[in-house]
PDB file of N, CA and C in Angstrom:
ATOM      1  N   MET A   1     -21.363 -35.180 -18.848  1.00  0.00           N
ATOM      2  CA  MET A   1     -22.609 -34.491 -19.072  1.00  0.00           C
ATOM      3  C   MET A   1     -22.314 -33.237 -19.876  1.00  0.00           C
ATOM      4  N   ARG A   2     -23.044 -33.076 -20.963  1.00  0.00           N
ATOM      5  CA  ARG A   2     -22.867 -31.889 -21.794  1.00  0.00           C
ATOM      6  C   ARG A   2     -24.235 -31.294 -22.098  1.00  0.00           C
ATOM      7  N   PHE A   3     -24.404 -30.032 -21.733  1.00  0.00           N
ATOM      8  CA  PHE A   3     -25.637 -29.340 -22.081  1.00  0.00           C
ATOM      9  C   PHE A   3     -25.529 -28.902 -23.537  1.00  0.00           C
ATOM     10  N   THR A   4     -26.524 -29.228 -24.339  1.00  0.00           N
ATOM     11  CA  THR A   4     -26.499 -28.848 -25.749  1.00  0.00           C
ATOM     12  C   THR A   4     -27.279 -27.572 -26.010  1.00  0.00           C
ATOM     13  N   TYR A   5     -28.144 -27.210 -25.079  1.00  0.00           N
ATOM     14  CA  TYR A   5     -28.961 -26.008 -25.252  1.00  0.00           C
ATOM     15  C   TYR A   5     -29.523 -25.606 -23.898  1.00  0.00           C
ATOM     16  N   VAL A   6     -29.531 -24.326 -23.609  1.00  0.00           N
ATOM     17  CA  VAL A   6     -30.150 -23.809 -22.385  1.00  0.00           C
ATOM     18  C   VAL A   6     -31.148 -22.750 -22.810  1.00  0.00           C
ATOM     19  N   GLY A   7     -32.410 -23.008 -22.537  1.00  0.00           N
ATOM     20  CA  GLY A   7     -33.471 -22.043 -22.844  1.00  0.00           C
ATOM     21  C   GLY A   7     -33.824 -21.289 -21.582  1.00  0.00           C
ATOM     22  N   ALA A   8     -33.138 -20.212 -21.316  1.00  0.00           N
ATOM     23  CA  ALA A   8     -33.355 -19.425 -20.095  1.00  0.00           C
ATOM     24  C   ALA A   8     -34.439 -18.372 -20.326  1.00  0.00           C
ATOM     25  N   GLY A   9     -34.966 -17.867 -19.228  1.00  0.00           N
ATOM     26  CA  GLY A   9     -35.905 -16.763 -19.318  1.00  0.00           C
ATOM     27  C   GLY A   9     -37.346 -17.135 -19.066  1.00  0.00           C
ATOM     28  N   ARG A  10     -37.624 -18.389 -18.789  1.00  0.00           N
ATOM     29  CA  ARG A  10     -38.994 -18.803 -18.484  1.00  0.00           C
ATOM     30  C   ARG A  10     -39.191 -18.694 -16.983  1.00  0.00           C
ATOM     31  N   ALA A  11     -40.052 -17.793 -16.574  1.00  0.00           N
ATOM     32  CA  ALA A  11     -40.294 -17.580 -15.146  1.00  0.00           C
ATOM     33  C   ALA A  11     -41.171 -18.691 -14.576  1.00  0.00           C
ATOM     34  N   GLY A  12     -40.814 -19.172 -13.383  1.00  0.00           N
ATOM     35  CA  GLY A  12     -41.624 -20.162 -12.688  1.00  0.00           C
ATOM     36  C   GLY A  12     -41.628 -21.519 -13.361  1.00  0.00           C
ATOM     37  N   ALA A  13     -42.580 -22.332 -12.959  1.00  0.00           N
ATOM     38  CA  ALA A  13     -42.696 -23.688 -13.501  1.00  0.00           C
ATOM     39  C   ALA A  13     -43.398 -23.651 -14.855  1.00  0.00           C
ATOM     40  N   SER A  14     -43.019 -24.556 -15.712  1.00  0.00           N
ATOM     41  CA  SER A  14     -43.625 -24.660 -17.043  1.00  0.00           C
ATOM     42  C   SER A  14     -44.106 -26.080 -17.250  1.00  0.00           C
ATOM     43  N   HIS A  15     -45.188 -26.219 -17.995  1.00  0.00           N
ATOM     44  CA  HIS A  15     -45.669 -27.556 -18.321  1.00  0.00           C
ATOM     45  C   HIS A  15     -44.605 -28.255 -19.160  1.00  0.00           C
ATOM     46  N   ASP A  16     -44.398 -29.540 -18.899  1.00  0.00           N
ATOM     47  CA  ASP A  16     -43.316 -30.288 -19.539  1.00  0.00           C
ATOM     48  C   ASP A  16     -43.248 -30.112 -21.051  1.00  0.00           C
ATOM     49  N   MET A  17     -44.351 -30.308 -21.729  1.00  0.00           N
ATOM     50  CA  MET A  17     -44.310 -30.314 -23.194  1.00  0.00           C
ATOM     51  C   MET A  17     -44.157 -28.918 -23.778  1.00  0.00           C
ATOM     52  N   SER A  18     -44.484 -27.869 -23.017  1.00  0.00           N
ATOM     53  CA  SER A  18     -44.349 -26.515 -23.568  1.00  0.00           C
ATOM     54  C   SER A  18     -42.883 -26.128 -23.752  1.00  0.00           C
ATOM     55  N   VAL A  19     -42.001 -26.711 -22.961  1.00  0.00           N
ATOM     56  CA  VAL A  19     -40.575 -26.374 -23.043  1.00  0.00           C
ATOM     57  C   VAL A  19     -39.972 -26.825 -24.378  1.00  0.00           C
ATOM     58  N   PRO A  20     -40.035 -28.115 -24.740  1.00  0.00           N
ATOM     59  CA  PRO A  20     -39.439 -28.491 -26.032  1.00  0.00           C
ATOM     60  C   PRO A  20     -40.190 -27.906 -27.224  1.00  0.00           C
ATOM     61  N   THR A  21     -41.501 -27.698 -27.078  1.00  0.00           N
ATOM     62  CA  THR A  21     -42.259 -27.099 -28.172  1.00  0.00           C
ATOM     63  C   THR A  21     -41.729 -25.709 -28.475  1.00  0.00           C
ATOM     64  N   GLU A  22     -41.508 -24.924 -27.431  1.00  0.00           N
ATOM     65  CA  GLU A  22     -40.968 -23.578 -27.611  1.00  0.00           C
ATOM     66  C   GLU A  22     -39.529 -23.629 -28.127  1.00  0.00           C
ATOM     67  N   CYS A  23     -38.741 -24.537 -27.596  1.00  0.00           N
ATOM     68  CA  CYS A  23     -37.341 -24.652 -28.029  1.00  0.00           C
ATOM     69  C   CYS A  23     -37.234 -25.018 -29.503  1.00  0.00           C
ATOM     70  N   LEU A  24     -38.091 -25.926 -29.965  1.00  0.00           N
ATOM     71  CA  LEU A  24     -38.042 -26.350 -31.366  1.00  0.00           C
ATOM     72  C   LEU A  24     -38.302 -25.196 -32.327  1.00  0.00           C
ATOM     73  N   GLU A  25     -38.993 -24.165 -31.841  1.00  0.00           N
ATOM     74  CA  GLU A  25     -39.287 -22.999 -32.677  1.00  0.00           C
ATOM     75  C   GLU A  25     -38.153 -21.976 -32.656  1.00  0.00           C
ATOM     76  N   THR A  26     -37.141 -22.207 -31.813  1.00  0.00           N
ATOM     77  CA  THR A  26     -36.010 -21.289 -31.698  1.00  0.00           C
ATOM     78  C   THR A  26     -34.961 -21.644 -32.753  1.00  0.00           C
ATOM     79  N   PRO A  27     -34.526 -20.669 -33.557  1.00  0.00           N
ATOM     80  CA  PRO A  27     -33.567 -20.961 -34.637  1.00  0.00           C
ATOM     81  C   PRO A  27     -32.238 -21.557 -34.164  1.00  0.00           C
ATOM     82  N   THR A  28     -31.814 -21.245 -32.938  1.00  0.00           N
ATOM     83  CA  THR A  28     -30.515 -21.737 -32.455  1.00  0.00           C
ATOM     84  C   THR A  28     -30.604 -23.094 -31.760  1.00  0.00           C
ATOM     85  N   TYR A  29     -31.801 -23.681 -31.707  1.00  0.00           N
ATOM     86  CA  TYR A  29     -31.975 -24.975 -31.050  1.00  0.00           C
ATOM     87  C   TYR A  29     -31.244 -26.061 -31.842  1.00  0.00           C
ATOM     88  N   PRO A  30     -30.370 -26.840 -31.185  1.00  0.00           N
ATOM     89  CA  PRO A  30     -29.603 -27.869 -31.904  1.00  0.00           C
ATOM     90  C   PRO A  30     -30.431 -29.133 -32.140  1.00  0.00           C
ATOM     91  N   HIS A  31     -30.830 -29.354 -33.356  1.00  0.00           N
ATOM     92  CA  HIS A  31     -31.594 -30.565 -33.661  1.00  0.00           C
ATOM     93  C   HIS A  31     -30.652 -31.764 -33.625  1.00  0.00           C
ATOM     94  N   LEU A  32     -31.174 -32.865 -33.151  1.00  0.00           N
ATOM     95  CA  LEU A  32     -30.353 -34.058 -32.950  1.00  0.00           C
ATOM     96  C   LEU A  32     -29.954 -34.727 -34.256  1.00  0.00           C
ATOM     97  N   ALA A  33     -28.779 -35.298 -34.221  1.00  0.00           N
ATOM     98  CA  ALA A  33     -28.309 -36.103 -35.349  1.00  0.00           C
ATOM     99  C   ALA A  33     -29.048 -37.437 -35.337  1.00  0.00           C
ATOM    100  N   GLU A  34     -29.103 -38.083 -36.464  1.00  0.00           N
ATOM    101  CA  GLU A  34     -29.739 -39.394 -36.572  1.00  0.00           C
ATOM    102  C   GLU A  34     -29.115 -40.356 -35.558  1.00  0.00           C
ATOM    103  N   GLY A  35     -29.958 -41.104 -34.843  1.00  0.00           N
ATOM    104  CA  GLY A  35     -29.471 -42.066 -33.863  1.00  0.00           C
ATOM    105  C   GLY A  35     -29.195 -41.482 -32.490  1.00  0.00           C
ATOM    106  N   LYS A  36     -29.456 -40.193 -32.290  1.00  0.00           N
ATOM    107  CA  LYS A  36     -29.282 -39.538 -30.991  1.00  0.00           C
ATOM    108  C   LYS A  36     -30.659 -39.226 -30.419  1.00  0.00           C
ATOM    109  N   TYR A  37     -30.742 -39.151 -29.080  1.00  0.00           N
ATOM    110  CA  TYR A  37     -32.037 -38.977 -28.426  1.00  0.00           C
ATOM    111  C   TYR A  37     -31.936 -38.029 -27.244  1.00  0.00           C
ATOM    112  N   TYR A  38     -33.048 -37.371 -26.946  1.00  0.00           N
ATOM    113  CA  TYR A  38     -33.184 -36.604 -25.713  1.00  0.00           C
ATOM    114  C   TYR A  38     -33.898 -37.491 -24.701  1.00  0.00           C
ATOM    115  N   LEU A  39     -33.398 -37.512 -23.491  1.00  0.00           N
ATOM    116  CA  LEU A  39     -34.016 -38.263 -22.405  1.00  0.00           C
ATOM    117  C   LEU A  39     -35.087 -37.372 -21.784  1.00  0.00           C
ATOM    118  N   VAL A  40     -36.330 -37.826 -21.753  1.00  0.00           N
ATOM    119  CA  VAL A  40     -37.433 -37.030 -21.212  1.00  0.00           C
ATOM    120  C   VAL A  40     -38.221 -37.858 -20.209  1.00  0.00           C
ATOM    121  N   ASP A  41     -39.040 -37.180 -19.402  1.00  0.00           N
ATOM    122  CA  ASP A  41     -39.870 -37.929 -18.466  1.00  0.00           C
ATOM    123  C   ASP A  41     -41.242 -38.190 -19.086  1.00  0.00           C
ATOM    124  N   SER A  42     -42.118 -38.823 -18.327  1.00  0.00           N
ATOM    125  CA  SER A  42     -43.398 -39.262 -18.880  1.00  0.00           C
ATOM    126  C   SER A  42     -44.353 -38.114 -19.185  1.00  0.00           C
ATOM    127  N   GLY A  43     -44.021 -36.878 -18.809  1.00  0.00           N
ATOM    128  CA  GLY A  43     -44.867 -35.733 -19.115  1.00  0.00           C
ATOM    129  C   GLY A  43     -44.753 -35.265 -20.552  1.00  0.00           C
ATOM    130  N   TYR A  44     -43.808 -35.797 -21.299  1.00  0.00           N
ATOM    131  CA  TYR A  44     -43.605 -35.385 -22.688  1.00  0.00           C
ATOM    132  C   TYR A  44     -44.392 -36.285 -23.635  1.00  0.00           C
ATOM    133  N   ALA A  45     -44.830 -35.709 -24.728  1.00  0.00           N
ATOM    134  CA  ALA A  45     -45.522 -36.491 -25.746  1.00  0.00           C
ATOM    135  C   ALA A  45     -44.515 -37.439 -26.398  1.00  0.00           C
ATOM    136  N   VAL A  46     -45.002 -38.567 -26.841  1.00  0.00           N
ATOM    137  CA  VAL A  46     -44.143 -39.530 -27.523  1.00  0.00           C
ATOM    138  C   VAL A  46     -43.808 -38.951 -28.897  1.00  0.00           C
ATOM    139  N   LYS A  47     -42.523 -38.715 -29.123  1.00  0.00           N
ATOM    140  CA  LYS A  47     -42.052 -38.120 -30.370  1.00  0.00           C
ATOM    141  C   LYS A  47     -40.750 -38.777 -30.777  1.00  0.00           C
ATOM    142  N   LYS A  48     -40.465 -38.756 -32.064  1.00  0.00           N
ATOM    143  CA  LYS A  48     -39.199 -39.287 -32.558  1.00  0.00           C
ATOM    144  C   LYS A  48     -38.054 -38.473 -31.950  1.00  0.00           C
ATOM    145  N   GLY A  49     -37.052 -39.175 -31.434  1.00  0.00           N
ATOM    146  CA  GLY A  49     -35.892 -38.508 -30.856  1.00  0.00           C
ATOM    147  C   GLY A  49     -35.995 -38.267 -29.358  1.00  0.00           C
ATOM    148  N   TYR A  50     -37.123 -38.624 -28.744  1.00  0.00           N
ATOM    149  CA  TYR A  50     -37.317 -38.426 -27.309  1.00  0.00           C
ATOM    150  C   TYR A  50     -37.537 -39.785 -26.649  1.00  0.00           C
ATOM    151  N   LEU A  51     -36.712 -40.105 -25.655  1.00  0.00           N
ATOM    152  CA  LEU A  51     -36.832 -41.379 -24.940  1.00  0.00           C
ATOM    153  C   LEU A  51     -37.524 -41.147 -23.608  1.00  0.00           C
ATOM    154  N   ASP A  52     -38.736 -41.659 -23.490  1.00  0.00           N
ATOM    155  CA  ASP A  52     -39.464 -41.552 -22.231  1.00  0.00           C
ATOM    156  C   ASP A  52     -39.555 -42.939 -21.599  1.00  0.00           C
ATOM    157  N   PRO A  53     -39.805 -43.004 -20.280  1.00  0.00           N
ATOM    158  CA  PRO A  53     -39.853 -44.309 -19.616  1.00  0.00           C
ATOM    159  C   PRO A  53     -41.111 -45.090 -19.991  1.00  0.00           C
ATOM    160  N   TYR A  54     -41.027 -46.406 -19.817  1.00  0.00           N
ATOM    161  CA  TYR A  54     -42.197 -47.254 -20.015  1.00  0.00           C
ATOM    162  C   TYR A  54     -43.184 -47.005 -18.889  1.00  0.00           C
ATOM    163  N   ARG A  55     -44.442 -46.900 -19.246  1.00  0.00           N
ATOM    164  CA  ARG A  55     -45.482 -46.767 -18.231  1.00  0.00           C
ATOM    165  C   ARG A  55     -45.829 -48.165 -17.722  1.00  0.00           C
ATOM    166  N   ASN A  56     -46.406 -48.235 -16.549  1.00  0.00           N
ATOM    167  CA  ASN A  56     -46.826 -49.506 -15.942  1.00  0.00           C
ATOM    168  C   ASN A  56     -45.663 -50.455 -15.684  1.00  0.00           C
ATOM    169  N   ALA A  57     -44.494 -49.903 -15.442  1.00  0.00           N
ATOM    170  CA  ALA A  57     -43.319 -50.690 -15.040  1.00  0.00           C
ATOM    171  C   ALA A  57     -42.595 -49.873 -13.975  1.00  0.00           C
ATOM    172  N   ARG A  58     -41.954 -50.564 -13.026  1.00  0.00           N
ATOM    173  CA  ARG A  58     -41.226 -49.830 -11.978  1.00  0.00           C
ATOM    174  C   ARG A  58     -40.261 -48.848 -12.622  1.00  0.00           C
ATOM    175  N   TYR A  59     -40.117 -47.681 -11.974  1.00  0.00           N
ATOM    176  CA  TYR A  59     -39.262 -46.648 -12.556  1.00  0.00           C
ATOM    177  C   TYR A  59     -38.263 -46.075 -11.562  1.00  0.00           C
ATOM    178  N   HIS A  60     -38.740 -45.584 -10.429  1.00  0.00           N
ATOM    179  CA  HIS A  60     -37.877 -44.858  -9.490  1.00  0.00           C
ATOM    180  C   HIS A  60     -36.873 -45.795  -8.817  1.00  0.00           C
ATOM    181  N   LEU A  61     -35.656 -45.283  -8.627  1.00  0.00           N
ATOM    182  CA  LEU A  61     -34.577 -46.111  -8.082  1.00  0.00           C
ATOM    183  C   LEU A  61     -34.930 -46.723  -6.737  1.00  0.00           C
ATOM    184  N   ASP A  62     -35.671 -45.999  -5.893  1.00  0.00           N
ATOM    185  CA  ASP A  62     -36.017 -46.558  -4.581  1.00  0.00           C
ATOM    186  C   ASP A  62     -36.955 -47.760  -4.702  1.00  0.00           C
ATOM    187  N   GLU A  63     -37.632 -47.914  -5.811  1.00  0.00           N
ATOM    188  CA  GLU A  63     -38.483 -49.084  -6.031  1.00  0.00           C
ATOM    189  C   GLU A  63     -37.640 -50.338  -6.277  1.00  0.00           C
ATOM    190  N   PHE A  64     -36.393 -50.165  -6.649  1.00  0.00           N
ATOM    191  CA  PHE A  64     -35.504 -51.298  -6.920  1.00  0.00           C
ATOM    192  C   PHE A  64     -34.595 -51.617  -5.738  1.00  0.00           C
ATOM    193  N   ARG A  65     -34.426 -50.673  -4.817  1.00  0.00           N
ATOM    194  CA  ARG A  65     -33.468 -50.848  -3.718  1.00  0.00           C
ATOM    195  C   ARG A  65     -33.793 -52.017  -2.804  1.00  0.00           C
ATOM    196  N   ASP A  66     -35.024 -52.067  -2.328  1.00  0.00           N
ATOM    197  CA  ASP A  66     -35.383 -53.070  -1.324  1.00  0.00           C
ATOM    198  C   ASP A  66     -36.006 -54.329  -1.921  1.00  0.00           C
ATOM    199  N   SER A  67     -36.056 -54.401  -3.218  1.00  0.00           N
ATOM    200  CA  SER A  67     -36.665 -55.579  -3.842  1.00  0.00           C
ATOM    201  C   SER A  67     -35.723 -56.147  -4.905  1.00  0.00           C
ATOM    202  N   ALA A  68     -36.254 -57.047  -5.651  1.00  0.00           N
ATOM    203  CA  ALA A  68     -35.439 -57.719  -6.669  1.00  0.00           C
ATOM    204  C   ALA A  68     -34.988 -56.751  -7.755  1.00  0.00           C
ATOM    205  N   ALA A  69     -33.988 -57.160  -8.471  1.00  0.00           N
ATOM    206  CA  ALA A  69     -33.485 -56.395  -9.616  1.00  0.00           C
ATOM    207  C   ALA A  69     -34.578 -56.330 -10.689  1.00  0.00           C
ATOM    208  N   PRO A  70     -34.400 -55.501 -11.691  1.00  0.00           N
ATOM    209  CA  PRO A  70     -35.388 -55.442 -12.777  1.00  0.00           C
ATOM    210  C   PRO A  70     -35.669 -56.832 -13.343  1.00  0.00           C
ATOM    211  N   THR A  71     -36.943 -57.091 -13.613  1.00  0.00           N
ATOM    212  CA  THR A  71     -37.344 -58.430 -14.052  1.00  0.00           C
ATOM    213  C   THR A  71     -37.788 -58.487 -15.508  1.00  0.00           C
ATOM    214  N   SER A  72     -37.819 -57.361 -16.179  1.00  0.00           N
ATOM    215  CA  SER A  72     -38.233 -57.347 -17.584  1.00  0.00           C
ATOM    216  C   SER A  72     -37.410 -56.304 -18.335  1.00  0.00           C
ATOM    217  N   TYR A  73     -37.513 -56.346 -19.643  1.00  0.00           N
ATOM    218  CA  TYR A  73     -36.821 -55.355 -20.470  1.00  0.00           C
ATOM    219  C   TYR A  73     -37.286 -53.951 -20.099  1.00  0.00           C
ATOM    220  N   GLU A  74     -38.602 -53.787 -19.894  1.00  0.00           N
ATOM    221  CA  GLU A  74     -39.158 -52.476 -19.569  1.00  0.00           C
ATOM    222  C   GLU A  74     -38.610 -51.952 -18.246  1.00  0.00           C
ATOM    223  N   GLU A  75     -38.527 -52.822 -17.234  1.00  0.00           N
ATOM    224  CA  GLU A  75     -37.980 -52.405 -15.940  1.00  0.00           C
ATOM    225  C   GLU A  75     -36.492 -52.092 -16.045  1.00  0.00           C
ATOM    226  N   GLN A  76     -35.758 -52.860 -16.817  1.00  0.00           N
ATOM    227  CA  GLN A  76     -34.326 -52.596 -17.001  1.00  0.00           C
ATOM    228  C   GLN A  76     -34.132 -51.248 -17.690  1.00  0.00           C
ATOM    229  N   PHE A  77     -34.926 -50.985 -18.721  1.00  0.00           N
ATOM    230  CA  PHE A  77     -34.859 -49.694 -19.410  1.00  0.00           C
ATOM    231  C   PHE A  77     -35.187 -48.564 -18.435  1.00  0.00           C
ATOM    232  N   ASN A  78     -36.267 -48.716 -17.668  1.00  0.00           N
ATOM    233  CA  ASN A  78     -36.667 -47.679 -16.712  1.00  0.00           C
ATOM    234  C   ASN A  78     -35.618 -47.468 -15.631  1.00  0.00           C
ATOM    235  N   PHE A  79     -34.988 -48.539 -15.185  1.00  0.00           N
ATOM    236  CA  PHE A  79     -33.932 -48.426 -14.173  1.00  0.00           C
ATOM    237  C   PHE A  79     -32.781 -47.570 -14.712  1.00  0.00           C
ATOM    238  N   ARG A  80     -32.362 -47.845 -15.927  1.00  0.00           N
ATOM    239  CA  ARG A  80     -31.271 -47.063 -16.540  1.00  0.00           C
ATOM    240  C   ARG A  80     -31.713 -45.632 -16.832  1.00  0.00           C
ATOM    241  N   HIS A  81     -32.941 -45.477 -17.290  1.00  0.00           N
ATOM    242  CA  HIS A  81     -33.501 -44.145 -17.569  1.00  0.00           C
ATOM    243  C   HIS A  81     -33.511 -43.322 -16.284  1.00  0.00           C
ATOM    244  N   SER A  82     -33.978 -43.914 -15.189  1.00  0.00           N
ATOM    245  CA  SER A  82     -34.039 -43.220 -13.903  1.00  0.00           C
ATOM    246  C   SER A  82     -32.645 -42.849 -13.401  1.00  0.00           C
ATOM    247  N   SER A  83     -31.694 -43.747 -13.588  1.00  0.00           N
ATOM    248  CA  SER A  83     -30.312 -43.457 -13.178  1.00  0.00           C
ATOM    249  C   SER A  83     -29.753 -42.265 -13.950  1.00  0.00           C
ATOM    250  N   LEU A  84     -29.978 -42.243 -15.253  1.00  0.00           N
ATOM    251  CA  LEU A  84     -29.510 -41.123 -16.076  1.00  0.00           C
ATOM    252  C   LEU A  84     -30.229 -39.830 -15.709  1.00  0.00           C
ATOM    253  N   ARG A  85     -31.513 -39.946 -15.430  1.00  0.00           N
ATOM    254  CA  ARG A  85     -32.269 -38.741 -15.053  1.00  0.00           C
ATOM    255  C   ARG A  85     -31.733 -38.148 -13.754  1.00  0.00           C
ATOM    256  N   ASN A  86     -31.334 -38.990 -12.812  1.00  0.00           N
ATOM    257  CA  ASN A  86     -30.738 -38.487 -11.569  1.00  0.00           C
ATOM    258  C   ASN A  86     -29.456 -37.711 -11.851  1.00  0.00           C
ATOM    259  N   VAL A  87     -28.648 -38.195 -12.782  1.00  0.00           N
ATOM    260  CA  VAL A  87     -27.421 -37.480 -13.164  1.00  0.00           C
ATOM    261  C   VAL A  87     -27.786 -36.106 -13.726  1.00  0.00           C
ATOM    262  N   ILE A  88     -28.799 -36.068 -14.572  1.00  0.00           N
ATOM    263  CA  ILE A  88     -29.241 -34.804 -15.171  1.00  0.00           C
ATOM    264  C   ILE A  88     -29.751 -33.848 -14.097  1.00  0.00           C
ATOM    265  N   GLU A  89     -30.558 -34.345 -13.165  1.00  0.00           N
ATOM    266  CA  GLU A  89     -31.089 -33.495 -12.091  1.00  0.00           C
ATOM    267  C   GLU A  89     -29.962 -32.924 -11.236  1.00  0.00           C
ATOM    268  N   ARG A  90     -28.961 -33.736 -10.935  1.00  0.00           N
ATOM    269  CA  ARG A  90     -27.814 -33.236 -10.159  1.00  0.00           C
ATOM    270  C   ARG A  90     -27.047 -32.178 -10.941  1.00  0.00           C
ATOM    271  N   ALA A  91     -26.888 -32.392 -12.244  1.00  0.00           N
ATOM    272  CA  ALA A  91     -26.185 -31.406 -13.080  1.00  0.00           C
ATOM    273  C   ALA A  91     -26.941 -30.084 -13.100  1.00  0.00           C
ATOM    274  N   PHE A  92     -28.261 -30.133 -13.215  1.00  0.00           N
ATOM    275  CA  PHE A  92     -29.050 -28.898 -13.173  1.00  0.00           C
ATOM    276  C   PHE A  92     -28.933 -28.230 -11.810  1.00  0.00           C
ATOM    277  N   GLY A  93     -28.906 -29.024 -10.750  1.00  0.00           N
ATOM    278  CA  GLY A  93     -28.722 -28.468  -9.407  1.00  0.00           C
ATOM    279  C   GLY A  93     -27.409 -27.716  -9.288  1.00  0.00           C
ATOM    280  N   ARG A  94     -26.358 -28.286  -9.831  1.00  0.00           N
ATOM    281  CA  ARG A  94     -25.044 -27.611  -9.797  1.00  0.00           C
ATOM    282  C   ARG A  94     -25.050 -26.364 -10.665  1.00  0.00           C
ATOM    283  N   LEU A  95     -25.697 -26.446 -11.818  1.00  0.00           N
ATOM    284  CA  LEU A  95     -25.788 -25.291 -12.708  1.00  0.00           C
ATOM    285  C   LEU A  95     -26.521 -24.134 -12.021  1.00  0.00           C
ATOM    286  N   LYS A  96     -27.544 -24.470 -11.239  1.00  0.00           N
ATOM    287  CA  LYS A  96     -28.317 -23.453 -10.522  1.00  0.00           C
ATOM    288  C   LYS A  96     -27.638 -23.021  -9.233  1.00  0.00           C
ATOM    289  N   GLY A  97     -26.553 -23.696  -8.863  1.00  0.00           N
ATOM    290  CA  GLY A  97     -25.826 -23.332  -7.647  1.00  0.00           C
ATOM    291  C   GLY A  97     -26.467 -23.832  -6.372  1.00  0.00           C
ATOM    292  N   LYS A  98     -27.209 -24.932  -6.467  1.00  0.00           N
ATOM    293  CA  LYS A  98     -27.869 -25.494  -5.276  1.00  0.00           C
ATOM    294  C   LYS A  98     -27.037 -26.603  -4.682  1.00  0.00           C
TER     295      LYS A  98
END
């Protein structure tokens, strides 16, 4: 896991899309190379370079635990997306000292 940018200084909770919008306006924000993507959740607008989960398909890991494995491309993508997001959430937890 490698953090490419940390936008600190925003007090409290922020609406999902306001964070990347503000970051994109920052001169030091590292724009992605061709073929690279940011993993985002469904609160972000669909934009080039941002991978969000498929809607109307199972997403959360606990939805896959007690039932069958992913049954479609969309569910397989969401399963992997959710797994990666958990890694990111744990990394942020460690960064915050929780």
